[in-house]
Amino acid sequence: MTNYPCEAPPCHRPASGDARPPALPGLRVCASCRASVRRDLLRLPDLHEACAEALTSGPRAFTERVSGRRPSGISLNEAAVSARADVVAFLACWTALVADERATPGPRSSQVTRLAGFLDQHLDWLLGHPAAGSLAAEIAEVTAAARAALEPRRESRRELGSCGNPGCSLTLYAGSGPGQASEVRCEAGHVWHPREWLLLGRPLDRALLGGVADADPVSAGDAL
């Protein structure tokens, strides 16, 4: 029996050359890729749950407005929302393929754990399917996105001196984080909105604040 090369796009090629390792008998992927696909498949329920816990994030102190009132809505971690949706879509799509082509009923529940368990039961059939390469590529992408959504958000910021809010002398910062809007705020949570930045009378870093504008006390009146 001829052993064809592994069809999984994420397949790790040997250091000695460019040839892909042979697929396992009856499958379209090599032993390493089969192990990777199964490992990621079994991780998806935990990643899905972890992303749920990461949906709302961010320092509570910085959600206060200058008026002292807290915002009425909930700030969602958009990457976690997207990752959860992608996990469900991935599992549902491949479950439907198995149920349809194998004429077997899928899980009665659409819970992520049930869907992943169902696919695990039919994993070798899937990895012998003409779409095995697509399965390997998609699960690697979905898993990577979910893990990335769980990484701590790094925030860059620049100290601007003391807060100009009446009665507050805490340090004021200009900063932004990945996927977040630029913001000027102090350690007490007082936020200076873009229309108020010129009133601070301090230079704001264009690179840090997305090139909005450098503060110019002379033109403050024209900005409002």
N, C-alpha and C. Protein backbone atom coordinates (compact mmCIF):
# COMPACT_ATOMS: atom_id res chain seq x y z
N MET A 1 0.84 -1.19 0.00
CA MET A 1 0.00 0.00 0.00
C MET A 1 0.88 1.25 0.00
N THR A 2 0.55 2.19 -0.89
CA THR A 2 1.34 3.42 -1.00
C THR A 2 0.98 4.37 0.13
N ASN A 3 1.97 4.91 0.79
CA ASN A 3 1.74 5.91 1.82
C ASN A 3 1.91 7.29 1.22
N TYR A 4 0.80 8.04 1.11
CA TYR A 4 0.85 9.36 0.51
C TYR A 4 1.30 10.39 1.55
N PRO A 5 1.83 11.54 1.11
CA PRO A 5 2.28 12.57 2.06
C PRO A 5 1.12 13.12 2.88
N CYS A 6 1.43 13.55 4.08
CA CYS A 6 0.44 14.18 4.96
C CYS A 6 -0.18 15.38 4.27
N GLU A 7 -1.50 15.51 4.35
CA GLU A 7 -2.21 16.61 3.69
C GLU A 7 -2.54 17.77 4.62
N ALA A 8 -2.16 17.67 5.87
CA ALA A 8 -2.48 18.74 6.82
C ALA A 8 -1.60 19.96 6.58
N PRO A 9 -2.18 21.13 6.30
CA PRO A 9 -1.36 22.34 6.08
C PRO A 9 -0.44 22.68 7.24
N PRO A 10 -0.86 22.45 8.50
CA PRO A 10 0.06 22.80 9.61
C PRO A 10 1.17 21.77 9.83
N CYS A 11 1.25 20.73 8.97
CA CYS A 11 2.20 19.64 9.18
C CYS A 11 3.63 20.15 9.31
N HIS A 12 4.33 19.66 10.33
CA HIS A 12 5.73 20.03 10.54
C HIS A 12 6.63 19.18 9.65
N ARG A 13 7.36 19.82 8.80
CA ARG A 13 8.25 19.09 7.89
C ARG A 13 9.55 18.72 8.60
N PRO A 14 10.16 17.61 8.23
CA PRO A 14 11.43 17.22 8.84
C PRO A 14 12.51 18.25 8.56
N ALA A 15 13.43 18.42 9.49
CA ALA A 15 14.50 19.40 9.32
C ALA A 15 15.44 19.02 8.18
N SER A 16 15.48 17.75 7.83
CA SER A 16 16.42 17.28 6.82
C SER A 16 15.99 17.58 5.39
N GLY A 17 14.73 17.98 5.17
CA GLY A 17 14.30 18.23 3.81
C GLY A 17 12.90 18.80 3.76
N ASP A 18 12.39 18.95 2.54
CA ASP A 18 11.08 19.57 2.34
C ASP A 18 9.95 18.55 2.24
N ALA A 19 10.26 17.27 2.17
CA ALA A 19 9.22 16.26 2.00
C ALA A 19 8.36 16.13 3.25
N ARG A 20 7.06 16.07 3.06
CA ARG A 20 6.16 15.86 4.20
C ARG A 20 6.23 14.40 4.65
N PRO A 21 6.01 14.14 5.91
CA PRO A 21 6.01 12.75 6.38
C PRO A 21 4.82 12.00 5.79
N PRO A 22 4.89 10.70 5.71
CA PRO A 22 3.78 9.92 5.13
C PRO A 22 2.56 9.90 6.04
N ALA A 23 1.41 9.86 5.41
CA ALA A 23 0.16 9.75 6.17
C ALA A 23 0.04 8.35 6.75
N LEU A 24 -0.70 8.25 7.83
CA LEU A 24 -0.96 6.94 8.43
C LEU A 24 -1.83 6.10 7.50
N PRO A 25 -1.71 4.80 7.54
CA PRO A 25 -2.54 3.94 6.68
C PRO A 25 -4.02 4.24 6.86
N GLY A 26 -4.70 4.50 5.76
CA GLY A 26 -6.13 4.77 5.80
C GLY A 26 -6.48 6.20 6.12
N LEU A 27 -5.48 7.00 6.49
CA LEU A 27 -5.73 8.41 6.82
C LEU A 27 -5.02 9.30 5.80
N ARG A 28 -5.28 10.58 5.91
CA ARG A 28 -4.65 11.54 5.01
C ARG A 28 -3.69 12.47 5.76
N VAL A 29 -3.42 12.13 7.01
CA VAL A 29 -2.50 12.92 7.83
C VAL A 29 -1.50 11.99 8.50
N CYS A 30 -0.36 12.55 8.89
CA CYS A 30 0.66 11.76 9.56
C CYS A 30 0.32 11.57 11.04
N ALA A 31 1.11 10.79 11.72
CA ALA A 31 0.86 10.49 13.14
C ALA A 31 0.93 11.76 13.98
N SER A 32 1.89 12.63 13.68
CA SER A 32 2.04 13.86 14.46
C SER A 32 0.83 14.78 14.30
N CYS A 33 0.35 14.91 13.07
CA CYS A 33 -0.80 15.79 12.83
C CYS A 33 -2.08 15.20 13.41
N ARG A 34 -2.21 13.88 13.38
CA ARG A 34 -3.38 13.27 14.01
C ARG A 34 -3.39 13.58 15.49
N ALA A 35 -2.23 13.47 16.13
CA ALA A 35 -2.14 13.75 17.56
C ALA A 35 -2.46 15.21 17.84
N SER A 36 -1.99 16.11 16.98
CA SER A 36 -2.23 17.55 17.17
C SER A 36 -3.71 17.88 17.02
N VAL A 37 -4.35 17.30 16.00
CA VAL A 37 -5.78 17.54 15.78
C VAL A 37 -6.58 17.05 16.97
N ARG A 38 -6.29 15.86 17.44
CA ARG A 38 -7.05 15.31 18.58
C ARG A 38 -6.80 16.12 19.85
N ARG A 39 -5.56 16.54 20.06
CA ARG A 39 -5.25 17.35 21.24
C ARG A 39 -6.03 18.66 21.22
N ASP A 40 -6.04 19.33 20.06
CA ASP A 40 -6.78 20.59 19.95
C ASP A 40 -8.28 20.37 20.10
N LEU A 41 -8.78 19.28 19.53
CA LEU A 41 -10.22 18.99 19.62
C LEU A 41 -10.64 18.83 21.08
N LEU A 42 -9.84 18.12 21.85
CA LEU A 42 -10.19 17.89 23.25
C LEU A 42 -9.98 19.14 24.11
N ARG A 43 -9.21 20.09 23.62
CA ARG A 43 -8.98 21.34 24.34
C ARG A 43 -10.11 22.35 24.11
N LEU A 44 -10.81 22.23 23.00
CA LEU A 44 -11.79 23.25 22.64
C LEU A 44 -12.85 23.53 23.72
N PRO A 45 -13.42 22.51 24.38
CA PRO A 45 -14.40 22.83 25.42
C PRO A 45 -13.82 23.69 26.54
N ASP A 46 -12.60 23.39 26.97
CA ASP A 46 -11.98 24.19 28.03
C ASP A 46 -11.67 25.60 27.55
N LEU A 47 -11.21 25.73 26.31
CA LEU A 47 -10.92 27.06 25.77
C LEU A 47 -12.21 27.86 25.62
N HIS A 48 -13.27 27.21 25.19
CA HIS A 48 -14.57 27.87 25.05
C HIS A 48 -15.04 28.40 26.40
N GLU A 49 -14.88 27.60 27.45
CA GLU A 49 -15.30 28.01 28.79
C GLU A 49 -14.40 29.13 29.32
N ALA A 50 -13.09 29.02 29.07
CA ALA A 50 -12.17 30.05 29.53
C ALA A 50 -12.46 31.38 28.86
N CYS A 51 -12.83 31.35 27.59
CA CYS A 51 -13.17 32.59 26.89
C CYS A 51 -14.44 33.22 27.48
N ALA A 52 -15.34 32.37 27.97
CA ALA A 52 -16.55 32.90 28.62
C ALA A 52 -16.18 33.69 29.86
N GLU A 53 -15.21 33.18 30.62
CA GLU A 53 -14.77 33.87 31.83
C GLU A 53 -14.01 35.16 31.50
N ALA A 54 -13.47 35.23 30.28
CA ALA A 54 -12.69 36.41 29.87
C ALA A 54 -13.53 37.43 29.12
N LEU A 55 -14.84 37.18 29.00
CA LEU A 55 -15.67 38.09 28.22
C LEU A 55 -15.67 39.51 28.77
N THR A 56 -15.76 39.63 30.09
CA THR A 56 -15.70 40.95 30.71
C THR A 56 -14.37 41.08 31.41
N SER A 57 -13.62 42.08 31.00
CA SER A 57 -12.29 42.26 31.58
C SER A 57 -11.95 43.73 31.60
N GLY A 58 -10.90 44.06 32.35
CA GLY A 58 -10.45 45.44 32.43
C GLY A 58 -10.50 45.94 33.85
N PRO A 59 -9.56 46.79 34.28
CA PRO A 59 -9.52 47.32 35.64
C PRO A 59 -10.79 48.09 35.97
N ARG A 60 -11.42 47.72 37.04
CA ARG A 60 -12.68 48.35 37.42
C ARG A 60 -12.52 49.84 37.72
N ALA A 61 -11.39 50.21 38.29
CA ALA A 61 -11.20 51.60 38.69
C ALA A 61 -11.22 52.54 37.51
N PHE A 62 -10.85 52.09 36.33
CA PHE A 62 -10.74 52.96 35.19
C PHE A 62 -12.05 53.08 34.41
N THR A 63 -13.14 52.52 34.91
CA THR A 63 -14.40 52.62 34.20
C THR A 63 -15.23 53.81 34.63
N GLU A 64 -14.76 54.57 35.61
CA GLU A 64 -15.49 55.72 36.07
C GLU A 64 -15.34 56.88 35.10
N ARG A 65 -16.35 57.67 34.95
CA ARG A 65 -16.30 58.87 34.13
C ARG A 65 -15.85 60.04 34.99
N VAL A 66 -15.58 61.18 34.34
CA VAL A 66 -15.17 62.36 35.08
C VAL A 66 -16.22 62.75 36.08
N SER A 67 -17.48 62.49 35.75
CA SER A 67 -18.57 62.86 36.66
C SER A 67 -18.61 61.99 37.89
N GLY A 68 -17.87 60.87 37.87
CA GLY A 68 -17.88 59.97 39.00
C GLY A 68 -18.86 58.83 38.85
N ARG A 69 -19.69 58.87 37.78
CA ARG A 69 -20.64 57.79 37.55
C ARG A 69 -20.00 56.68 36.75
N ARG A 70 -20.41 55.45 37.02
CA ARG A 70 -19.90 54.31 36.27
C ARG A 70 -20.72 54.12 35.01
N PRO A 71 -20.11 53.63 33.92
CA PRO A 71 -20.86 53.39 32.70
C PRO A 71 -21.92 52.32 32.91
N SER A 72 -23.05 52.45 32.20
CA SER A 72 -24.17 51.53 32.41
C SER A 72 -23.98 50.19 31.72
N GLY A 73 -23.18 50.13 30.63
CA GLY A 73 -23.02 48.89 29.88
C GLY A 73 -21.87 48.05 30.37
N ILE A 74 -21.69 46.90 29.70
CA ILE A 74 -20.60 45.98 30.02
C ILE A 74 -19.61 46.00 28.87
N SER A 75 -18.35 46.18 29.19
CA SER A 75 -17.31 46.18 28.16
C SER A 75 -16.88 44.75 27.88
N LEU A 76 -17.14 44.28 26.66
CA LEU A 76 -16.84 42.89 26.32
C LEU A 76 -15.48 42.76 25.65
N ASN A 77 -14.83 41.66 25.93
CA ASN A 77 -13.60 41.30 25.26
C ASN A 77 -14.01 40.73 23.90
N GLU A 78 -13.88 41.55 22.84
CA GLU A 78 -14.39 41.15 21.54
C GLU A 78 -13.66 39.93 20.99
N ALA A 79 -12.38 39.79 21.30
CA ALA A 79 -11.63 38.63 20.82
C ALA A 79 -12.19 37.35 21.43
N ALA A 80 -12.58 37.40 22.71
CA ALA A 80 -13.14 36.23 23.36
C ALA A 80 -14.52 35.89 22.80
N VAL A 81 -15.32 36.92 22.50
CA VAL A 81 -16.64 36.71 21.91
C VAL A 81 -16.49 36.01 20.57
N SER A 82 -15.58 36.52 19.74
CA SER A 82 -15.35 35.95 18.42
C SER A 82 -14.82 34.52 18.51
N ALA A 83 -13.90 34.29 19.44
CA ALA A 83 -13.31 32.95 19.59
C ALA A 83 -14.37 31.93 19.99
N ARG A 84 -15.25 32.29 20.91
CA ARG A 84 -16.31 31.38 21.34
C ARG A 84 -17.24 31.04 20.17
N ALA A 85 -17.58 32.04 19.40
CA ALA A 85 -18.47 31.81 18.25
C ALA A 85 -17.79 30.91 17.22
N ASP A 86 -16.51 31.12 17.01
CA ASP A 86 -15.77 30.30 16.03
C ASP A 86 -15.67 28.84 16.49
N VAL A 87 -15.48 28.63 17.78
CA VAL A 87 -15.40 27.27 18.31
C VAL A 87 -16.72 26.53 18.05
N VAL A 88 -17.82 27.19 18.38
CA VAL A 88 -19.14 26.56 18.18
C VAL A 88 -19.40 26.30 16.70
N ALA A 89 -19.08 27.29 15.85
CA ALA A 89 -19.31 27.12 14.41
C ALA A 89 -18.48 25.98 13.84
N PHE A 90 -17.23 25.89 14.28
CA PHE A 90 -16.35 24.82 13.80
C PHE A 90 -16.91 23.46 14.17
N LEU A 91 -17.24 23.28 15.45
CA LEU A 91 -17.74 21.99 15.92
C LEU A 91 -19.07 21.63 15.27
N ALA A 92 -19.97 22.59 15.13
CA ALA A 92 -21.27 22.33 14.54
C ALA A 92 -21.14 21.95 13.07
N CYS A 93 -20.27 22.62 12.35
CA CYS A 93 -20.08 22.36 10.92
C CYS A 93 -19.58 20.94 10.67
N TRP A 94 -18.55 20.54 11.39
CA TRP A 94 -17.98 19.22 11.17
C TRP A 94 -18.87 18.11 11.74
N THR A 95 -19.63 18.42 12.78
CA THR A 95 -20.60 17.45 13.30
C THR A 95 -21.68 17.19 12.24
N ALA A 96 -22.13 18.24 11.59
CA ALA A 96 -23.15 18.11 10.55
C ALA A 96 -22.63 17.27 9.39
N LEU A 97 -21.37 17.45 9.04
CA LEU A 97 -20.78 16.68 7.94
C LEU A 97 -20.77 15.19 8.29
N VAL A 98 -20.33 14.87 9.51
CA VAL A 98 -20.28 13.47 9.92
C VAL A 98 -21.69 12.87 9.95
N ALA A 99 -22.63 13.58 10.56
CA ALA A 99 -23.99 13.07 10.68
C ALA A 99 -24.62 12.85 9.31
N ASP A 100 -24.34 13.75 8.38
CA ASP A 100 -24.94 13.65 7.05
C ASP A 100 -24.32 12.53 6.23
N GLU A 101 -22.99 12.49 6.15
CA GLU A 101 -22.32 11.53 5.28
C GLU A 101 -22.26 10.13 5.87
N ARG A 102 -22.33 10.02 7.16
CA ARG A 102 -22.31 8.69 7.79
C ARG A 102 -23.70 8.22 8.19
N ALA A 103 -24.69 9.06 7.90
CA ALA A 103 -26.08 8.73 8.22
C ALA A 103 -26.22 8.28 9.68
N THR A 104 -25.61 9.06 10.54
CA THR A 104 -25.67 8.74 11.97
C THR A 104 -26.16 9.97 12.72
N PRO A 105 -27.00 9.79 13.72
CA PRO A 105 -27.50 10.96 14.45
C PRO A 105 -26.39 11.65 15.25
N GLY A 106 -26.41 12.95 15.19
CA GLY A 106 -25.44 13.72 15.97
C GLY A 106 -25.90 13.83 17.41
N PRO A 107 -25.13 14.54 18.25
CA PRO A 107 -25.51 14.71 19.66
C PRO A 107 -26.86 15.40 19.79
N ARG A 108 -27.64 15.00 20.76
CA ARG A 108 -28.92 15.65 21.01
C ARG A 108 -28.74 17.05 21.56
N SER A 109 -27.61 17.26 22.21
CA SER A 109 -27.31 18.57 22.79
C SER A 109 -26.26 19.28 21.93
N SER A 110 -26.40 20.60 21.85
CA SER A 110 -25.43 21.38 21.09
C SER A 110 -24.31 21.91 21.99
N GLN A 111 -24.20 21.34 23.20
CA GLN A 111 -23.13 21.74 24.10
C GLN A 111 -21.78 21.43 23.46
N VAL A 112 -20.83 22.33 23.68
CA VAL A 112 -19.51 22.19 23.08
C VAL A 112 -18.86 20.87 23.47
N THR A 113 -19.01 20.46 24.71
CA THR A 113 -18.42 19.19 25.17
C THR A 113 -18.99 18.00 24.40
N ARG A 114 -20.29 18.02 24.17
CA ARG A 114 -20.94 16.92 23.44
C ARG A 114 -20.48 16.90 21.98
N LEU A 115 -20.40 18.06 21.36
CA LEU A 115 -19.98 18.14 19.96
C LEU A 115 -18.55 17.66 19.79
N ALA A 116 -17.67 18.11 20.69
CA ALA A 116 -16.26 17.69 20.61
C ALA A 116 -16.13 16.19 20.83
N GLY A 117 -16.90 15.63 21.76
CA GLY A 117 -16.86 14.20 22.02
C GLY A 117 -17.34 13.40 20.83
N PHE A 118 -18.37 13.90 20.16
CA PHE A 118 -18.90 13.23 18.97
C PHE A 118 -17.84 13.19 17.86
N LEU A 119 -17.18 14.32 17.64
CA LEU A 119 -16.14 14.37 16.60
C LEU A 119 -14.96 13.48 16.96
N ASP A 120 -14.65 13.39 18.24
CA ASP A 120 -13.54 12.52 18.66
C ASP A 120 -13.85 11.06 18.34
N GLN A 121 -15.10 10.68 18.49
CA GLN A 121 -15.50 9.31 18.18
C GLN A 121 -15.34 8.99 16.68
N HIS A 122 -15.46 10.00 15.86
CA HIS A 122 -15.40 9.80 14.41
C HIS A 122 -14.12 10.42 13.82
N LEU A 123 -13.12 10.62 14.67
CA LEU A 123 -11.93 11.36 14.23
C LEU A 123 -11.19 10.67 13.10
N ASP A 124 -10.97 9.37 13.20
CA ASP A 124 -10.23 8.69 12.15
C ASP A 124 -10.99 8.69 10.82
N TRP A 125 -12.31 8.62 10.90
CA TRP A 125 -13.09 8.72 9.65
C TRP A 125 -12.89 10.11 9.03
N LEU A 126 -12.92 11.14 9.87
CA LEU A 126 -12.71 12.51 9.38
C LEU A 126 -11.31 12.69 8.79
N LEU A 127 -10.32 12.09 9.43
CA LEU A 127 -8.95 12.27 8.97
C LEU A 127 -8.63 11.39 7.76
N GLY A 128 -9.58 10.55 7.37
CA GLY A 128 -9.44 9.79 6.14
C GLY A 128 -10.31 10.38 5.04
N HIS A 129 -11.05 11.41 5.38
CA HIS A 129 -11.97 12.08 4.45
C HIS A 129 -11.18 13.02 3.53
N PRO A 130 -11.67 13.27 2.31
CA PRO A 130 -10.98 14.22 1.43
C PRO A 130 -10.80 15.61 2.03
N ALA A 131 -11.63 15.95 3.01
CA ALA A 131 -11.53 17.27 3.64
C ALA A 131 -10.64 17.25 4.89
N ALA A 132 -9.86 16.20 5.08
CA ALA A 132 -9.02 16.08 6.28
C ALA A 132 -8.06 17.25 6.42
N GLY A 133 -7.48 17.68 5.31
CA GLY A 133 -6.55 18.81 5.37
C GLY A 133 -7.22 20.08 5.85
N SER A 134 -8.45 20.30 5.39
CA SER A 134 -9.21 21.48 5.83
C SER A 134 -9.54 21.40 7.32
N LEU A 135 -9.88 20.20 7.77
CA LEU A 135 -10.16 20.01 9.20
C LEU A 135 -8.94 20.37 10.04
N ALA A 136 -7.77 19.88 9.65
CA ALA A 136 -6.55 20.15 10.40
C ALA A 136 -6.21 21.63 10.41
N ALA A 137 -6.40 22.30 9.28
CA ALA A 137 -6.10 23.73 9.19
C ALA A 137 -7.07 24.55 10.04
N GLU A 138 -8.35 24.21 9.97
CA GLU A 138 -9.37 24.98 10.68
C GLU A 138 -9.24 24.84 12.20
N ILE A 139 -9.00 23.61 12.66
CA ILE A 139 -8.93 23.43 14.11
C ILE A 139 -7.68 24.11 14.67
N ALA A 140 -6.60 24.13 13.89
CA ALA A 140 -5.39 24.83 14.35
C ALA A 140 -5.66 26.33 14.45
N GLU A 141 -6.41 26.87 13.47
CA GLU A 141 -6.71 28.31 13.47
C GLU A 141 -7.65 28.69 14.61
N VAL A 142 -8.70 27.88 14.80
CA VAL A 142 -9.68 28.16 15.86
C VAL A 142 -9.02 28.07 17.24
N THR A 143 -8.19 27.07 17.43
CA THR A 143 -7.50 26.90 18.72
C THR A 143 -6.55 28.06 18.99
N ALA A 144 -5.81 28.46 17.97
CA ALA A 144 -4.86 29.57 18.14
C ALA A 144 -5.58 30.86 18.47
N ALA A 145 -6.72 31.11 17.83
CA ALA A 145 -7.48 32.34 18.10
C ALA A 145 -8.04 32.35 19.52
N ALA A 146 -8.51 31.20 19.99
CA ALA A 146 -9.04 31.12 21.35
C ALA A 146 -7.94 31.34 22.38
N ARG A 147 -6.78 30.76 22.14
CA ARG A 147 -5.67 30.94 23.08
C ARG A 147 -5.20 32.39 23.08
N ALA A 148 -5.18 33.02 21.89
CA ALA A 148 -4.75 34.41 21.81
C ALA A 148 -5.72 35.33 22.55
N ALA A 149 -7.01 34.99 22.52
CA ALA A 149 -8.02 35.80 23.21
C ALA A 149 -7.85 35.77 24.71
N LEU A 150 -7.17 34.74 25.21
CA LEU A 150 -6.98 34.60 26.65
C LEU A 150 -5.68 35.22 27.14
N GLU A 151 -4.85 35.71 26.22
CA GLU A 151 -3.60 36.33 26.64
C GLU A 151 -3.89 37.67 27.31
N PRO A 152 -3.13 38.02 28.36
CA PRO A 152 -3.35 39.29 29.05
C PRO A 152 -3.22 40.46 28.09
N ARG A 153 -4.10 41.42 28.24
CA ARG A 153 -4.02 42.62 27.41
C ARG A 153 -2.88 43.51 27.90
N ARG A 154 -1.99 43.82 26.98
CA ARG A 154 -0.87 44.71 27.34
C ARG A 154 -1.25 46.14 26.99
N GLU A 155 -1.05 47.01 27.91
CA GLU A 155 -1.41 48.42 27.71
C GLU A 155 -0.16 49.28 27.73
N SER A 156 -0.03 50.13 26.72
CA SER A 156 1.08 51.08 26.70
C SER A 156 0.55 52.42 27.19
N ARG A 157 1.33 53.14 27.99
CA ARG A 157 0.85 54.41 28.50
C ARG A 157 2.00 55.36 28.77
N ARG A 158 1.67 56.63 28.79
CA ARG A 158 2.66 57.68 29.02
C ARG A 158 2.16 58.60 30.13
N GLU A 159 3.03 58.90 31.08
CA GLU A 159 2.65 59.76 32.20
C GLU A 159 2.56 61.21 31.75
N LEU A 160 1.47 61.87 32.17
CA LEU A 160 1.24 63.27 31.76
C LEU A 160 1.25 64.24 32.93
N GLY A 161 1.53 63.76 34.13
CA GLY A 161 1.52 64.65 35.29
C GLY A 161 0.31 64.37 36.15
N SER A 162 -0.10 65.36 36.92
CA SER A 162 -1.24 65.17 37.82
C SER A 162 -2.56 65.42 37.10
N CYS A 163 -3.60 64.76 37.58
CA CYS A 163 -4.93 64.89 36.98
C CYS A 163 -5.46 66.31 37.17
N GLY A 164 -6.12 66.82 36.16
CA GLY A 164 -6.67 68.18 36.24
C GLY A 164 -8.08 68.21 36.77
N ASN A 165 -8.63 67.07 37.16
CA ASN A 165 -9.98 67.05 37.70
C ASN A 165 -9.99 67.70 39.07
N PRO A 166 -10.95 68.58 39.37
CA PRO A 166 -11.00 69.27 40.66
C PRO A 166 -10.89 68.31 41.84
N GLY A 167 -9.93 68.58 42.71
CA GLY A 167 -9.75 67.79 43.91
C GLY A 167 -8.96 66.53 43.73
N CYS A 168 -8.46 66.28 42.52
CA CYS A 168 -7.69 65.05 42.27
C CYS A 168 -6.27 65.39 41.88
N SER A 169 -5.29 64.83 42.57
CA SER A 169 -3.88 65.11 42.29
C SER A 169 -3.13 63.84 41.87
N LEU A 170 -3.87 62.77 41.56
CA LEU A 170 -3.23 61.53 41.15
C LEU A 170 -2.67 61.64 39.73
N THR A 171 -1.79 60.70 39.38
CA THR A 171 -1.10 60.75 38.10
C THR A 171 -2.05 60.49 36.94
N LEU A 172 -1.88 61.29 35.88
CA LEU A 172 -2.68 61.17 34.67
C LEU A 172 -1.86 60.46 33.61
N TYR A 173 -2.48 59.54 32.88
CA TYR A 173 -1.78 58.77 31.84
C TYR A 173 -2.51 58.86 30.51
N ALA A 174 -1.72 58.81 29.43
CA ALA A 174 -2.27 58.65 28.08
C ALA A 174 -1.85 57.25 27.65
N GLY A 175 -2.80 56.47 27.18
CA GLY A 175 -2.44 55.11 26.80
C GLY A 175 -3.51 54.42 26.02
N SER A 176 -3.18 53.22 25.55
CA SER A 176 -4.12 52.40 24.81
C SER A 176 -3.65 50.96 24.88
N GLY A 177 -4.56 50.04 24.63
CA GLY A 177 -4.23 48.62 24.62
C GLY A 177 -4.66 48.01 23.31
N PRO A 178 -4.27 46.75 23.03
CA PRO A 178 -4.64 46.09 21.79
C PRO A 178 -6.15 46.06 21.59
N GLY A 179 -6.61 46.61 20.47
CA GLY A 179 -8.03 46.61 20.17
C GLY A 179 -8.83 47.60 20.98
N GLN A 180 -8.16 48.48 21.73
CA GLN A 180 -8.84 49.44 22.58
C GLN A 180 -8.60 50.85 22.06
N ALA A 181 -9.57 51.73 22.31
CA ALA A 181 -9.42 53.11 21.89
C ALA A 181 -8.41 53.81 22.79
N SER A 182 -7.75 54.85 22.24
CA SER A 182 -6.83 55.63 23.04
C SER A 182 -7.60 56.34 24.14
N GLU A 183 -6.92 56.54 25.28
CA GLU A 183 -7.62 57.09 26.43
C GLU A 183 -6.66 57.88 27.30
N VAL A 184 -7.16 58.93 27.90
CA VAL A 184 -6.42 59.71 28.88
C VAL A 184 -7.19 59.60 30.18
N ARG A 185 -6.53 59.08 31.21
CA ARG A 185 -7.22 58.84 32.46
C ARG A 185 -6.23 58.87 33.61
N CYS A 186 -6.73 59.00 34.83
CA CYS A 186 -5.86 59.01 35.99
C CYS A 186 -6.06 57.73 36.78
N GLU A 187 -5.25 57.56 37.83
CA GLU A 187 -5.31 56.32 38.62
C GLU A 187 -6.59 56.19 39.42
N ALA A 188 -7.33 57.30 39.55
CA ALA A 188 -8.60 57.24 40.28
C ALA A 188 -9.75 56.87 39.35
N GLY A 189 -9.48 56.84 38.05
CA GLY A 189 -10.52 56.48 37.09
C GLY A 189 -11.15 57.66 36.39
N HIS A 190 -10.66 58.90 36.63
CA HIS A 190 -11.19 60.05 35.93
C HIS A 190 -10.72 60.02 34.47
N VAL A 191 -11.65 60.06 33.54
CA VAL A 191 -11.34 59.96 32.12
C VAL A 191 -11.51 61.31 31.44
N TRP A 192 -10.49 61.68 30.64
CA TRP A 192 -10.55 62.90 29.83
C TRP A 192 -10.85 62.47 28.40
N HIS A 193 -12.00 62.87 27.87
CA HIS A 193 -12.42 62.46 26.54
C HIS A 193 -11.66 63.27 25.48
N PRO A 194 -11.60 62.75 24.23
CA PRO A 194 -10.85 63.44 23.18
C PRO A 194 -11.16 64.92 23.04
N ARG A 195 -12.43 65.30 23.20
CA ARG A 195 -12.79 66.71 23.05
C ARG A 195 -12.22 67.59 24.17
N GLU A 196 -11.75 66.92 25.24
CA GLU A 196 -11.22 67.66 26.39
C GLU A 196 -9.70 67.63 26.45
N TRP A 197 -9.03 66.88 25.54
CA TRP A 197 -7.59 66.73 25.64
C TRP A 197 -6.85 68.05 25.52
N LEU A 198 -7.34 68.93 24.65
CA LEU A 198 -6.65 70.21 24.46
C LEU A 198 -6.71 71.09 25.71
N LEU A 199 -7.71 70.86 26.54
CA LEU A 199 -7.85 71.65 27.75
C LEU A 199 -6.80 71.30 28.79
N LEU A 200 -6.13 70.15 28.61
CA LEU A 200 -5.10 69.75 29.57
C LEU A 200 -3.87 70.64 29.48
N GLY A 201 -3.65 71.22 28.33
CA GLY A 201 -2.49 72.09 28.16
C GLY A 201 -1.17 71.35 28.20
N ARG A 202 -1.19 70.05 27.80
CA ARG A 202 0.04 69.24 27.82
C ARG A 202 0.16 68.51 26.50
N PRO A 203 1.39 68.30 26.01
CA PRO A 203 1.57 67.60 24.73
C PRO A 203 1.20 66.13 24.85
N LEU A 204 0.43 65.64 23.88
CA LEU A 204 0.05 64.25 23.84
C LEU A 204 0.78 63.58 22.68
N ASP A 205 1.31 62.41 22.92
CA ASP A 205 2.10 61.68 21.93
C ASP A 205 1.20 61.18 20.80
N ARG A 206 1.45 61.63 19.55
CA ARG A 206 0.63 61.22 18.41
C ARG A 206 0.67 59.71 18.20
N ALA A 207 1.83 59.11 18.34
CA ALA A 207 1.96 57.67 18.12
C ALA A 207 1.15 56.89 19.14
N LEU A 208 1.19 57.36 20.41
CA LEU A 208 0.49 56.65 21.47
C LEU A 208 -1.01 56.78 21.33
N LEU A 209 -1.48 57.94 20.87
CA LEU A 209 -2.90 58.21 20.81
C LEU A 209 -3.46 58.09 19.41
N GLY A 210 -2.76 57.42 18.53
CA GLY A 210 -3.28 57.15 17.20
C GLY A 210 -3.29 58.36 16.31
N GLY A 211 -2.44 59.36 16.58
CA GLY A 211 -2.32 60.52 15.71
C GLY A 211 -3.51 61.44 15.78
N VAL A 212 -4.21 61.49 16.92
CA VAL A 212 -5.38 62.34 17.01
C VAL A 212 -5.00 63.81 16.90
N ALA A 213 -4.17 64.27 17.83
CA ALA A 213 -3.70 65.66 17.78
C ALA A 213 -2.79 65.91 18.96
N ASP A 214 -1.82 66.79 18.80
CA ASP A 214 -1.02 67.23 19.92
C ASP A 214 -1.79 68.37 20.60
N ALA A 215 -1.70 68.42 21.90
CA ALA A 215 -2.43 69.46 22.62
C ALA A 215 -1.86 70.82 22.31
N ASP A 216 -2.75 71.78 22.15
CA ASP A 216 -2.36 73.16 21.88
C ASP A 216 -3.29 74.06 22.65
N PRO A 217 -2.86 74.56 23.83
CA PRO A 217 -3.72 75.36 24.68
C PRO A 217 -4.31 76.55 23.96
N VAL A 218 -3.62 77.11 22.97
CA VAL A 218 -4.10 78.29 22.28
C VAL A 218 -5.36 77.99 21.48
N SER A 219 -5.40 76.74 20.91
CA SER A 219 -6.53 76.39 20.04
C SER A 219 -7.61 75.60 20.78
N ALA A 220 -7.51 75.54 22.09
CA ALA A 220 -8.47 74.74 22.85
C ALA A 220 -9.88 75.19 22.62
N GLY A 221 -10.11 76.48 22.54
CA GLY A 221 -11.44 76.98 22.35
C GLY A 221 -12.03 76.60 21.01
N ASP A 222 -11.16 76.48 19.99
CA ASP A 222 -11.64 76.12 18.67
C ASP A 222 -12.00 74.65 18.58
N ALA A 223 -11.47 73.85 19.49
CA ALA A 223 -11.67 72.40 19.41
C ALA A 223 -12.99 71.97 20.01
N LEU A 224 -13.60 72.85 20.80
CA LEU A 224 -14.83 72.46 21.49
C LEU A 224 -16.06 73.02 20.79
